[in-house]
């Protein structure tokens, strides 16, 4: 076994913490609900866009595009209210 094989065999894998799991579950539920009611709108999840201020890329949880408008959705806290701007 080479060095990389030894490294991967000794690597410790950690389970994600509770808030990470619940956050992913909330995003999944929101996506499922949105797709169910979206009709002919295009619904994209996990869209990565360039971030010129910080460098690199940033992820938007969901983009909903219709022929008249585009809505960007960033879900952060399942216990907070939803505002539309």
N, C-alpha and C. Protein backbone atom coordinates (compact mmCIF):
# COMPACT_ATOMS: atom_id res chain seq x y z
N UNK A 1 0.86 -1.18 0.00
CA UNK A 1 0.00 0.00 0.00
C UNK A 1 0.90 1.24 0.00
N UNK A 2 0.63 2.16 -0.91
CA UNK A 2 1.41 3.38 -1.00
C UNK A 2 1.04 4.38 0.08
N UNK A 3 1.68 5.52 0.04
CA UNK A 3 1.42 6.55 1.06
C UNK A 3 -0.01 7.07 1.02
N UNK A 4 -0.54 7.26 -0.19
CA UNK A 4 -1.92 7.74 -0.28
C UNK A 4 -2.90 6.70 0.28
N UNK A 5 -2.67 5.44 -0.03
CA UNK A 5 -3.52 4.38 0.49
C UNK A 5 -3.47 4.33 2.01
N UNK A 6 -2.27 4.50 2.56
CA UNK A 6 -2.12 4.50 4.02
C UNK A 6 -2.84 5.69 4.63
N UNK A 7 -2.70 6.85 3.98
CA UNK A 7 -3.37 8.05 4.48
C UNK A 7 -4.89 7.85 4.51
N UNK A 8 -5.46 7.35 3.41
CA UNK A 8 -6.90 7.16 3.35
C UNK A 8 -7.39 6.08 4.30
N UNK A 9 -6.57 5.08 4.56
CA UNK A 9 -6.99 4.03 5.50
C UNK A 9 -7.00 4.53 6.94
N UNK A 10 -6.17 5.52 7.25
CA UNK A 10 -6.10 6.04 8.63
C UNK A 10 -6.98 7.27 8.85
N UNK A 11 -7.51 7.82 7.79
CA UNK A 11 -8.30 9.04 7.90
C UNK A 11 -9.54 8.80 8.75
N UNK A 12 -9.82 9.72 9.65
CA UNK A 12 -10.98 9.62 10.53
C UNK A 12 -12.14 10.36 9.87
N UNK A 13 -13.29 9.70 9.78
CA UNK A 13 -14.47 10.32 9.20
C UNK A 13 -15.40 10.75 10.32
N UNK A 14 -15.85 11.99 10.25
CA UNK A 14 -16.75 12.54 11.26
C UNK A 14 -18.14 12.69 10.67
N UNK A 15 -19.13 12.35 11.46
CA UNK A 15 -20.51 12.55 11.05
C UNK A 15 -20.84 14.04 11.15
N UNK A 16 -21.70 14.56 10.26
CA UNK A 16 -22.07 15.97 10.35
C UNK A 16 -22.84 16.24 11.63
N UNK A 17 -22.71 17.47 12.14
CA UNK A 17 -23.38 17.85 13.37
C UNK A 17 -24.88 18.01 13.11
N UNK A 18 -25.66 18.03 14.18
CA UNK A 18 -27.11 18.08 14.07
C UNK A 18 -27.65 19.25 13.28
N UNK A 19 -27.08 20.45 13.50
CA UNK A 19 -27.60 21.62 12.79
C UNK A 19 -27.30 21.54 11.30
N UNK A 20 -26.24 20.87 10.91
CA UNK A 20 -25.91 20.70 9.49
C UNK A 20 -26.91 19.76 8.84
N UNK A 21 -27.20 18.67 9.51
CA UNK A 21 -28.16 17.69 8.98
C UNK A 21 -29.55 18.31 8.87
N UNK A 22 -29.98 19.04 9.91
CA UNK A 22 -31.32 19.64 9.88
C UNK A 22 -31.39 20.74 8.83
N UNK A 23 -30.30 21.46 8.61
CA UNK A 23 -30.27 22.49 7.57
C UNK A 23 -30.42 21.90 6.19
N UNK A 24 -29.72 20.80 5.93
CA UNK A 24 -29.85 20.13 4.63
C UNK A 24 -31.24 19.57 4.43
N UNK A 25 -31.81 19.02 5.50
CA UNK A 25 -33.17 18.48 5.42
C UNK A 25 -34.18 19.58 5.13
N UNK A 26 -34.01 20.74 5.78
CA UNK A 26 -34.92 21.87 5.54
C UNK A 26 -34.81 22.36 4.09
N UNK A 27 -33.59 22.44 3.55
CA UNK A 27 -33.41 22.84 2.15
C UNK A 27 -34.06 21.83 1.21
N UNK A 28 -33.93 20.55 1.51
CA UNK A 28 -34.54 19.52 0.68
C UNK A 28 -36.06 19.64 0.69
N UNK A 29 -36.64 19.85 1.87
CA UNK A 29 -38.09 19.98 1.98
C UNK A 29 -38.59 21.22 1.25
N UNK A 30 -37.87 22.33 1.37
CA UNK A 30 -38.24 23.55 0.67
C UNK A 30 -38.19 23.33 -0.84
N UNK A 31 -37.16 22.65 -1.33
CA UNK A 31 -37.04 22.37 -2.75
C UNK A 31 -38.19 21.49 -3.23
N UNK A 32 -38.52 20.48 -2.49
CA UNK A 32 -39.60 19.56 -2.85
C UNK A 32 -40.93 20.31 -2.93
N UNK A 33 -41.20 21.15 -1.95
CA UNK A 33 -42.43 21.93 -1.92
C UNK A 33 -42.48 22.92 -3.09
N UNK A 34 -41.38 23.58 -3.34
CA UNK A 34 -41.32 24.56 -4.43
C UNK A 34 -41.55 23.91 -5.78
N UNK A 35 -40.93 22.78 -6.01
CA UNK A 35 -41.11 22.08 -7.29
C UNK A 35 -42.55 21.59 -7.46
N UNK A 36 -43.20 21.26 -6.35
CA UNK A 36 -44.58 20.78 -6.43
C UNK A 36 -45.54 21.88 -6.87
N UNK A 37 -45.27 23.13 -6.52
CA UNK A 37 -46.18 24.23 -6.83
C UNK A 37 -45.66 25.17 -7.91
N UNK A 38 -44.48 24.90 -8.46
CA UNK A 38 -43.84 25.84 -9.39
C UNK A 38 -44.49 25.92 -10.75
N UNK A 39 -45.24 24.92 -11.13
CA UNK A 39 -45.85 24.94 -12.45
C UNK A 39 -44.79 24.87 -13.54
N UNK A 40 -44.80 25.84 -14.47
CA UNK A 40 -43.84 25.82 -15.57
C UNK A 40 -42.56 26.60 -15.27
N UNK A 41 -42.38 27.03 -14.03
CA UNK A 41 -41.17 27.76 -13.65
C UNK A 41 -39.97 26.82 -13.60
N UNK A 42 -38.81 27.36 -13.90
CA UNK A 42 -37.57 26.60 -13.79
C UNK A 42 -37.04 26.75 -12.37
N UNK A 43 -36.82 25.65 -11.68
CA UNK A 43 -36.34 25.66 -10.30
C UNK A 43 -34.98 24.98 -10.27
N UNK A 44 -33.96 25.74 -9.86
CA UNK A 44 -32.60 25.21 -9.78
C UNK A 44 -32.15 25.24 -8.32
N UNK A 45 -31.37 24.25 -7.92
CA UNK A 45 -30.88 24.23 -6.54
C UNK A 45 -29.36 24.20 -6.52
N UNK A 46 -28.79 24.80 -5.47
CA UNK A 46 -27.34 24.78 -5.29
C UNK A 46 -26.58 25.48 -6.41
N UNK A 47 -27.08 26.63 -6.86
CA UNK A 47 -26.43 27.36 -7.94
C UNK A 47 -25.21 28.10 -7.40
N UNK A 48 -24.07 27.89 -8.04
CA UNK A 48 -22.84 28.54 -7.60
C UNK A 48 -22.56 29.72 -8.52
N UNK A 49 -22.31 30.88 -7.91
CA UNK A 49 -22.05 32.10 -8.67
C UNK A 49 -20.71 32.69 -8.24
N UNK A 50 -20.05 33.46 -9.12
CA UNK A 50 -18.79 34.09 -8.74
C UNK A 50 -19.02 35.14 -7.65
N UNK A 51 -18.07 35.27 -6.75
CA UNK A 51 -18.12 36.27 -5.69
C UNK A 51 -16.93 37.21 -5.87
N UNK A 52 -17.13 38.35 -6.55
CA UNK A 52 -16.01 39.24 -6.83
C UNK A 52 -15.43 39.91 -5.58
N UNK A 53 -16.24 40.09 -4.53
CA UNK A 53 -15.75 40.74 -3.32
C UNK A 53 -14.82 39.84 -2.52
N UNK A 54 -15.22 38.59 -2.32
CA UNK A 54 -14.44 37.65 -1.53
C UNK A 54 -13.50 36.81 -2.37
N UNK A 55 -13.75 36.76 -3.67
CA UNK A 55 -13.01 35.85 -4.52
C UNK A 55 -13.64 34.47 -4.42
N UNK A 56 -13.43 33.66 -5.40
CA UNK A 56 -14.00 32.32 -5.37
C UNK A 56 -15.46 32.33 -5.77
N UNK A 57 -16.24 31.43 -5.17
CA UNK A 57 -17.65 31.27 -5.53
C UNK A 57 -18.52 31.23 -4.29
N UNK A 58 -19.78 31.47 -4.49
CA UNK A 58 -20.78 31.43 -3.43
C UNK A 58 -21.97 30.62 -3.92
N UNK A 59 -22.66 29.96 -3.00
CA UNK A 59 -23.80 29.13 -3.39
C UNK A 59 -25.11 29.80 -3.01
N UNK A 60 -26.05 29.78 -3.95
CA UNK A 60 -27.42 30.22 -3.69
C UNK A 60 -28.26 28.95 -3.58
N UNK A 61 -29.05 28.84 -2.52
CA UNK A 61 -29.80 27.61 -2.27
C UNK A 61 -30.76 27.27 -3.40
N UNK A 62 -31.48 28.28 -3.90
CA UNK A 62 -32.48 27.99 -4.93
C UNK A 62 -32.69 29.22 -5.81
N UNK A 63 -32.87 28.96 -7.10
CA UNK A 63 -33.22 30.01 -8.06
C UNK A 63 -34.49 29.55 -8.76
N UNK A 64 -35.50 30.43 -8.74
CA UNK A 64 -36.77 30.14 -9.40
C UNK A 64 -36.92 31.14 -10.54
N UNK A 65 -37.02 30.65 -11.76
CA UNK A 65 -37.10 31.53 -12.93
C UNK A 65 -38.40 31.29 -13.67
N UNK A 66 -39.14 32.37 -13.88
CA UNK A 66 -40.34 32.34 -14.71
C UNK A 66 -40.07 33.23 -15.91
N UNK A 67 -41.04 33.37 -16.80
CA UNK A 67 -40.81 34.22 -17.96
C UNK A 67 -40.79 35.70 -17.58
N UNK A 68 -41.33 36.05 -16.40
CA UNK A 68 -41.40 37.45 -15.98
C UNK A 68 -40.38 37.86 -14.93
N UNK A 69 -39.91 36.92 -14.13
CA UNK A 69 -39.01 37.30 -13.03
C UNK A 69 -38.11 36.14 -12.61
N UNK A 70 -37.08 36.51 -11.85
CA UNK A 70 -36.17 35.53 -11.26
C UNK A 70 -36.15 35.78 -9.76
N UNK A 71 -36.30 34.70 -8.99
CA UNK A 71 -36.31 34.80 -7.53
C UNK A 71 -35.13 33.99 -6.99
N UNK A 72 -34.34 34.63 -6.13
CA UNK A 72 -33.22 33.95 -5.47
C UNK A 72 -33.64 33.65 -4.04
N UNK A 73 -33.46 32.41 -3.63
CA UNK A 73 -33.87 31.98 -2.28
C UNK A 73 -32.64 31.48 -1.53
N UNK A 74 -32.43 32.03 -0.36
CA UNK A 74 -31.36 31.58 0.53
C UNK A 74 -32.01 31.21 1.85
N UNK A 75 -32.08 29.93 2.16
CA UNK A 75 -32.71 29.49 3.40
C UNK A 75 -31.63 29.35 4.46
N UNK A 76 -31.86 30.02 5.60
CA UNK A 76 -30.84 30.00 6.64
C UNK A 76 -31.34 29.42 7.95
N UNK A 77 -32.54 29.78 8.36
CA UNK A 77 -33.04 29.35 9.66
C UNK A 77 -34.49 28.90 9.51
N UNK A 78 -34.77 27.62 9.73
CA UNK A 78 -36.14 27.12 9.53
C UNK A 78 -37.14 27.69 10.52
N UNK A 79 -36.68 28.34 11.59
CA UNK A 79 -37.59 28.88 12.59
C UNK A 79 -37.91 30.35 12.36
N UNK A 80 -37.28 30.97 11.38
CA UNK A 80 -37.53 32.38 11.14
C UNK A 80 -38.62 32.55 10.09
N UNK A 81 -39.08 33.79 9.93
CA UNK A 81 -40.13 34.04 8.95
C UNK A 81 -39.53 34.25 7.57
N UNK A 82 -40.36 34.16 6.56
CA UNK A 82 -39.93 34.34 5.17
C UNK A 82 -40.36 35.72 4.71
N UNK A 83 -39.42 36.50 4.20
CA UNK A 83 -39.70 37.83 3.67
C UNK A 83 -39.52 37.83 2.18
N UNK A 84 -40.36 38.57 1.48
CA UNK A 84 -40.22 38.74 0.03
C UNK A 84 -39.91 40.19 -0.25
N UNK A 85 -38.90 40.42 -1.08
CA UNK A 85 -38.52 41.80 -1.43
C UNK A 85 -38.74 42.02 -2.90
